[in-house]
Amino acid sequence: QVQLVESGGGLVQAGGSLRLSCAGSGRTFSKFPMGWFRQAPGKEREFVASITWSSGSSHYADSVKGRFTISRDKNENTVYLQMNSLKPEDTAVYYCAAFIRLTTNDRDVDYWGKGTLVTVSS
């Protein structure tokens, strides 16, 4: 089993920054690619970013490319999402995810965190 715990959400003004953290645990945790998804009010959950543990290769949704950066700390078993130049449309619950195979489809995610709320005011 893999357990994921997010932190770092909150309220920020447009143009500001936040950093989300996802602490993972479990026997096989470090073998899974990791990522972030988000769900805005009244919308479906969508892919944000992903990263592999071995090479650190990352992938981003077009809507966040150039503004968000995903990274991982192998020693701390933690994945981060640095969010800069935040916009009101970034307001959502952000979920940490782990998957056996890289994916951008939330139906293929194997493990989920409980989510952390990010609110961007205009």
N, C-alpha and C. Protein backbone atom coordinates (compact mmCIF):
# COMPACT_ATOMS: atom_id res chain seq x y z
N GLN A 1 0.82 -1.19 0.00
CA GLN A 1 0.00 0.00 0.00
C GLN A 1 0.86 1.25 0.00
N VAL A 2 0.33 2.32 -0.57
CA VAL A 2 1.01 3.61 -0.62
C VAL A 2 0.10 4.64 0.04
N GLN A 3 0.66 5.42 0.92
CA GLN A 3 -0.09 6.48 1.58
C GLN A 3 0.49 7.83 1.15
N LEU A 4 -0.39 8.75 0.82
CA LEU A 4 0.02 10.08 0.34
C LEU A 4 -0.67 11.15 1.18
N VAL A 5 0.11 12.12 1.65
CA VAL A 5 -0.44 13.19 2.46
C VAL A 5 0.02 14.53 1.90
N GLU A 6 -0.95 15.34 1.48
CA GLU A 6 -0.63 16.65 0.92
C GLU A 6 -0.62 17.73 1.99
N SER A 7 0.10 18.79 1.71
CA SER A 7 0.08 19.98 2.56
C SER A 7 0.49 21.18 1.71
N GLY A 8 0.23 22.38 2.25
CA GLY A 8 0.70 23.59 1.59
C GLY A 8 -0.37 24.40 0.90
N GLY A 9 -1.59 23.94 0.88
CA GLY A 9 -2.65 24.72 0.25
C GLY A 9 -2.99 25.95 1.08
N GLY A 10 -3.80 26.82 0.49
CA GLY A 10 -4.21 28.03 1.21
C GLY A 10 -4.77 29.07 0.29
N LEU A 11 -4.89 30.28 0.81
CA LEU A 11 -5.43 31.41 0.06
C LEU A 11 -4.28 32.32 -0.37
N VAL A 12 -4.28 32.70 -1.63
CA VAL A 12 -3.24 33.57 -2.17
C VAL A 12 -3.85 34.51 -3.19
N GLN A 13 -3.27 35.67 -3.34
CA GLN A 13 -3.75 36.62 -4.35
C GLN A 13 -3.24 36.25 -5.73
N ALA A 14 -3.96 36.65 -6.73
CA ALA A 14 -3.52 36.42 -8.10
C ALA A 14 -2.12 36.99 -8.30
N GLY A 15 -1.29 36.21 -8.99
CA GLY A 15 0.10 36.59 -9.19
C GLY A 15 1.04 36.06 -8.14
N GLY A 16 0.49 35.52 -7.07
CA GLY A 16 1.30 34.99 -5.99
C GLY A 16 1.76 33.58 -6.23
N SER A 17 2.40 33.02 -5.19
CA SER A 17 2.97 31.67 -5.29
C SER A 17 2.58 30.82 -4.09
N LEU A 18 2.55 29.54 -4.31
CA LEU A 18 2.38 28.55 -3.25
C LEU A 18 3.20 27.33 -3.61
N ARG A 19 3.60 26.58 -2.58
CA ARG A 19 4.27 25.31 -2.83
C ARG A 19 3.51 24.21 -2.10
N LEU A 20 3.08 23.23 -2.86
CA LEU A 20 2.41 22.07 -2.29
C LEU A 20 3.43 20.96 -2.07
N SER A 21 3.20 20.19 -1.01
CA SER A 21 4.05 19.04 -0.72
C SER A 21 3.20 17.79 -0.63
N CYS A 22 3.79 16.67 -1.00
CA CYS A 22 3.12 15.38 -0.90
C CYS A 22 4.11 14.39 -0.31
N ALA A 23 3.86 14.00 0.92
CA ALA A 23 4.73 13.04 1.60
C ALA A 23 4.17 11.64 1.38
N GLY A 24 5.03 10.76 0.92
CA GLY A 24 4.59 9.42 0.62
C GLY A 24 5.22 8.39 1.53
N SER A 25 4.53 7.29 1.71
CA SER A 25 5.06 6.18 2.50
C SER A 25 4.49 4.88 1.94
N GLY A 26 5.14 3.81 2.31
CA GLY A 26 4.71 2.52 1.79
C GLY A 26 5.90 1.78 1.21
N ARG A 27 5.79 0.49 1.21
CA ARG A 27 6.93 -0.35 0.85
C ARG A 27 7.43 -0.10 -0.55
N THR A 28 6.54 0.15 -1.50
CA THR A 28 6.96 0.30 -2.89
C THR A 28 6.79 1.74 -3.38
N PHE A 29 6.68 2.66 -2.45
CA PHE A 29 6.38 4.04 -2.82
C PHE A 29 7.34 4.59 -3.85
N SER A 30 8.62 4.39 -3.65
CA SER A 30 9.62 5.04 -4.50
C SER A 30 9.66 4.47 -5.91
N LYS A 31 8.88 3.46 -6.20
CA LYS A 31 8.88 2.89 -7.55
C LYS A 31 7.83 3.53 -8.44
N PHE A 32 6.91 4.26 -7.86
CA PHE A 32 5.80 4.80 -8.63
C PHE A 32 6.09 6.20 -9.15
N PRO A 33 5.74 6.46 -10.41
CA PRO A 33 5.70 7.86 -10.84
C PRO A 33 4.65 8.60 -10.00
N MET A 34 4.84 9.88 -9.85
CA MET A 34 3.94 10.68 -9.02
C MET A 34 3.41 11.85 -9.82
N GLY A 35 2.33 12.42 -9.31
CA GLY A 35 1.80 13.57 -10.01
C GLY A 35 0.79 14.32 -9.19
N TRP A 36 0.28 15.37 -9.81
CA TRP A 36 -0.76 16.20 -9.21
C TRP A 36 -1.92 16.33 -10.19
N PHE A 37 -3.10 16.22 -9.63
CA PHE A 37 -4.33 16.51 -10.35
C PHE A 37 -5.06 17.59 -9.57
N ARG A 38 -6.04 18.22 -10.19
CA ARG A 38 -6.84 19.21 -9.47
C ARG A 38 -8.29 19.15 -9.92
N GLN A 39 -9.16 19.59 -9.03
CA GLN A 39 -10.58 19.63 -9.34
C GLN A 39 -11.16 20.95 -8.87
N ALA A 40 -11.58 21.75 -9.82
CA ALA A 40 -12.22 23.03 -9.52
C ALA A 40 -13.71 22.81 -9.26
N PRO A 41 -14.34 23.73 -8.56
CA PRO A 41 -15.77 23.59 -8.28
C PRO A 41 -16.59 23.42 -9.55
N GLY A 42 -17.39 22.38 -9.60
CA GLY A 42 -18.26 22.15 -10.74
C GLY A 42 -17.58 21.59 -11.97
N LYS A 43 -16.31 21.24 -11.84
CA LYS A 43 -15.57 20.71 -12.99
C LYS A 43 -15.02 19.34 -12.69
N GLU A 44 -14.61 18.66 -13.74
CA GLU A 44 -14.00 17.34 -13.58
C GLU A 44 -12.56 17.48 -13.12
N ARG A 45 -12.07 16.43 -12.50
CA ARG A 45 -10.68 16.43 -12.07
C ARG A 45 -9.78 16.38 -13.30
N GLU A 46 -8.69 17.16 -13.27
CA GLU A 46 -7.80 17.23 -14.43
C GLU A 46 -6.35 17.07 -14.03
N PHE A 47 -5.57 16.60 -14.97
CA PHE A 47 -4.14 16.42 -14.78
C PHE A 47 -3.44 17.77 -14.69
N VAL A 48 -2.42 17.83 -13.81
CA VAL A 48 -1.63 19.05 -13.68
C VAL A 48 -0.17 18.79 -14.07
N ALA A 49 0.45 17.81 -13.41
CA ALA A 49 1.86 17.53 -13.66
C ALA A 49 2.21 16.14 -13.15
N SER A 50 3.30 15.58 -13.69
CA SER A 50 3.79 14.29 -13.23
C SER A 50 5.31 14.27 -13.27
N ILE A 51 5.88 13.31 -12.51
CA ILE A 51 7.33 13.19 -12.45
C ILE A 51 7.69 11.74 -12.16
N THR A 52 8.80 11.28 -12.72
CA THR A 52 9.29 9.94 -12.41
C THR A 52 10.34 10.03 -11.32
N TRP A 53 10.40 8.99 -10.47
CA TRP A 53 11.36 9.02 -9.38
C TRP A 53 12.79 8.83 -9.89
N SER A 54 12.95 7.94 -10.86
CA SER A 54 14.30 7.57 -11.27
C SER A 54 15.03 8.71 -11.98
N SER A 55 14.43 9.22 -13.04
CA SER A 55 15.12 10.24 -13.83
C SER A 55 14.67 11.66 -13.52
N GLY A 56 13.53 11.79 -12.85
CA GLY A 56 12.99 13.13 -12.60
C GLY A 56 12.36 13.74 -13.83
N SER A 57 12.08 12.93 -14.82
CA SER A 57 11.43 13.42 -16.03
C SER A 57 10.02 13.91 -15.69
N SER A 58 9.68 15.12 -16.17
CA SER A 58 8.41 15.72 -15.79
C SER A 58 7.54 16.03 -17.01
N HIS A 59 6.27 16.17 -16.75
CA HIS A 59 5.30 16.47 -17.80
C HIS A 59 4.23 17.38 -17.21
N TYR A 60 3.76 18.35 -18.01
CA TYR A 60 2.82 19.34 -17.50
C TYR A 60 1.62 19.51 -18.42
N ALA A 61 0.50 19.87 -17.81
CA ALA A 61 -0.65 20.30 -18.59
C ALA A 61 -0.32 21.64 -19.23
N ASP A 62 -0.87 21.89 -20.40
CA ASP A 62 -0.58 23.15 -21.10
C ASP A 62 -0.99 24.37 -20.26
N SER A 63 -2.03 24.22 -19.46
CA SER A 63 -2.56 25.34 -18.70
C SER A 63 -1.61 25.81 -17.59
N VAL A 64 -0.65 24.97 -17.19
CA VAL A 64 0.26 25.35 -16.10
C VAL A 64 1.71 25.42 -16.56
N LYS A 65 1.98 25.04 -17.78
CA LYS A 65 3.35 25.01 -18.27
C LYS A 65 3.98 26.38 -18.20
N GLY A 66 5.17 26.43 -17.65
CA GLY A 66 5.87 27.70 -17.50
C GLY A 66 5.57 28.41 -16.19
N ARG A 67 4.54 27.97 -15.48
CA ARG A 67 4.19 28.59 -14.20
C ARG A 67 4.39 27.63 -13.03
N PHE A 68 4.14 26.35 -13.25
CA PHE A 68 4.24 25.35 -12.20
C PHE A 68 5.49 24.49 -12.44
N THR A 69 6.09 24.02 -11.35
CA THR A 69 7.24 23.12 -11.44
C THR A 69 7.05 21.98 -10.45
N ILE A 70 7.16 20.77 -10.95
CA ILE A 70 7.08 19.59 -10.08
C ILE A 70 8.49 19.08 -9.83
N SER A 71 8.73 18.65 -8.60
CA SER A 71 10.05 18.13 -8.25
C SER A 71 9.89 17.06 -7.19
N ARG A 72 11.00 16.31 -6.94
CA ARG A 72 10.91 15.28 -5.89
C ARG A 72 12.19 15.24 -5.11
N ASP A 73 12.05 14.85 -3.85
CA ASP A 73 13.19 14.68 -2.94
C ASP A 73 13.20 13.21 -2.55
N LYS A 74 14.15 12.49 -3.10
CA LYS A 74 14.18 11.05 -2.86
C LYS A 74 14.44 10.74 -1.39
N ASN A 75 15.28 11.52 -0.74
CA ASN A 75 15.62 11.25 0.65
C ASN A 75 14.41 11.44 1.57
N GLU A 76 13.56 12.41 1.21
CA GLU A 76 12.39 12.72 2.04
C GLU A 76 11.13 12.04 1.56
N ASN A 77 11.21 11.29 0.46
CA ASN A 77 10.01 10.66 -0.11
C ASN A 77 8.89 11.67 -0.32
N THR A 78 9.26 12.81 -0.84
CA THR A 78 8.31 13.90 -0.98
C THR A 78 8.33 14.47 -2.40
N VAL A 79 7.15 14.77 -2.88
CA VAL A 79 7.01 15.43 -4.18
C VAL A 79 6.44 16.82 -3.95
N TYR A 80 6.95 17.78 -4.70
CA TYR A 80 6.54 19.17 -4.54
C TYR A 80 5.89 19.69 -5.82
N LEU A 81 5.03 20.67 -5.64
CA LEU A 81 4.49 21.41 -6.78
C LEU A 81 4.63 22.89 -6.46
N GLN A 82 5.60 23.52 -7.11
CA GLN A 82 5.79 24.96 -6.95
C GLN A 82 4.90 25.66 -7.95
N MET A 83 4.03 26.51 -7.43
CA MET A 83 3.04 27.19 -8.28
C MET A 83 3.30 28.69 -8.23
N ASN A 84 3.68 29.25 -9.36
CA ASN A 84 3.95 30.68 -9.47
C ASN A 84 2.94 31.34 -10.41
N SER A 85 2.88 32.65 -10.33
CA SER A 85 1.97 33.43 -11.20
C SER A 85 0.56 32.85 -11.17
N LEU A 86 0.08 32.60 -9.99
CA LEU A 86 -1.22 31.95 -9.84
C LEU A 86 -2.35 32.83 -10.35
N LYS A 87 -3.35 32.17 -10.91
CA LYS A 87 -4.52 32.84 -11.48
C LYS A 87 -5.78 32.36 -10.75
N PRO A 88 -6.83 33.15 -10.76
CA PRO A 88 -8.08 32.69 -10.12
C PRO A 88 -8.55 31.35 -10.66
N GLU A 89 -8.30 31.08 -11.93
CA GLU A 89 -8.73 29.80 -12.51
C GLU A 89 -7.90 28.61 -12.03
N ASP A 90 -6.86 28.87 -11.25
CA ASP A 90 -6.11 27.78 -10.62
C ASP A 90 -6.76 27.32 -9.33
N THR A 91 -7.80 28.02 -8.90
CA THR A 91 -8.50 27.63 -7.67
C THR A 91 -9.08 26.24 -7.83
N ALA A 92 -8.73 25.35 -6.90
CA ALA A 92 -9.15 23.95 -6.98
C ALA A 92 -8.66 23.21 -5.75
N VAL A 93 -9.18 22.00 -5.59
CA VAL A 93 -8.57 21.06 -4.66
C VAL A 93 -7.50 20.31 -5.44
N TYR A 94 -6.31 20.32 -4.91
CA TYR A 94 -5.16 19.67 -5.56
C TYR A 94 -4.91 18.33 -4.89
N TYR A 95 -4.82 17.28 -5.71
CA TYR A 95 -4.64 15.93 -5.23
C TYR A 95 -3.28 15.39 -5.66
N CYS A 96 -2.59 14.81 -4.72
CA CYS A 96 -1.37 14.07 -5.02
C CYS A 96 -1.76 12.68 -5.50
N ALA A 97 -1.02 12.16 -6.46
CA ALA A 97 -1.37 10.87 -7.04
C ALA A 97 -0.12 10.05 -7.31
N ALA A 98 -0.29 8.74 -7.21
CA ALA A 98 0.77 7.81 -7.57
C ALA A 98 0.19 6.78 -8.53
N PHE A 99 0.97 6.42 -9.53
CA PHE A 99 0.44 5.49 -10.52
C PHE A 99 1.55 4.54 -10.97
N ILE A 100 1.15 3.32 -11.26
CA ILE A 100 2.11 2.31 -11.68
C ILE A 100 2.73 2.70 -13.02
N ARG A 101 1.89 3.26 -13.90
CA ARG A 101 2.37 3.71 -15.20
C ARG A 101 2.01 5.18 -15.37
N LEU A 102 2.91 5.92 -15.98
CA LEU A 102 2.66 7.34 -16.21
C LEU A 102 1.33 7.54 -16.92
N THR A 103 0.57 8.50 -16.45
CA THR A 103 -0.74 8.74 -17.04
C THR A 103 -1.14 10.19 -16.82
N THR A 104 -2.04 10.66 -17.65
CA THR A 104 -2.66 11.96 -17.44
C THR A 104 -4.16 11.78 -17.20
N ASN A 105 -4.59 10.53 -17.10
CA ASN A 105 -6.00 10.20 -16.92
C ASN A 105 -6.24 9.81 -15.47
N ASP A 106 -7.15 10.53 -14.81
CA ASP A 106 -7.35 10.26 -13.39
C ASP A 106 -7.93 8.86 -13.14
N ARG A 107 -8.51 8.25 -14.15
CA ARG A 107 -9.06 6.90 -13.98
C ARG A 107 -7.95 5.86 -13.86
N ASP A 108 -6.75 6.21 -14.27
CA ASP A 108 -5.63 5.27 -14.23
C ASP A 108 -4.73 5.47 -13.01
N VAL A 109 -5.13 6.37 -12.13
CA VAL A 109 -4.34 6.61 -10.91
C VAL A 109 -4.59 5.47 -9.93
N ASP A 110 -3.53 5.00 -9.30
CA ASP A 110 -3.63 3.88 -8.37
C ASP A 110 -3.81 4.32 -6.92
N TYR A 111 -3.21 5.43 -6.57
CA TYR A 111 -3.29 5.91 -5.19
C TYR A 111 -3.52 7.43 -5.19
N TRP A 112 -4.37 7.85 -4.26
CA TRP A 112 -4.70 9.27 -4.14
C TRP A 112 -4.44 9.78 -2.72
N GLY A 113 -4.03 11.04 -2.62
CA GLY A 113 -4.08 11.71 -1.34
C GLY A 113 -5.49 12.27 -1.15
N LYS A 114 -5.70 12.89 0.01
CA LYS A 114 -7.03 13.42 0.32
C LYS A 114 -7.29 14.79 -0.28
N GLY A 115 -6.24 15.45 -0.70
CA GLY A 115 -6.39 16.74 -1.37
C GLY A 115 -6.12 17.92 -0.45
N THR A 116 -5.72 19.02 -1.05
CA THR A 116 -5.51 20.26 -0.33
C THR A 116 -6.06 21.41 -1.17
N LEU A 117 -6.77 22.33 -0.52
CA LEU A 117 -7.47 23.39 -1.24
C LEU A 117 -6.55 24.57 -1.51
N VAL A 118 -6.54 25.01 -2.76
CA VAL A 118 -5.84 26.21 -3.17
C VAL A 118 -6.89 27.21 -3.68
N THR A 119 -6.90 28.39 -3.08
CA THR A 119 -7.83 29.43 -3.49
C THR A 119 -7.03 30.65 -3.92
N VAL A 120 -7.27 31.11 -5.15
CA VAL A 120 -6.58 32.27 -5.69
C VAL A 120 -7.60 33.39 -5.87
N SER A 121 -7.40 34.47 -5.15
CA SER A 121 -8.32 35.59 -5.21
C SER A 121 -7.87 36.59 -6.28
N SER A 122 -8.85 37.25 -6.89
CA SER A 122 -8.53 38.22 -7.95
C SER A 122 -8.31 39.62 -7.39
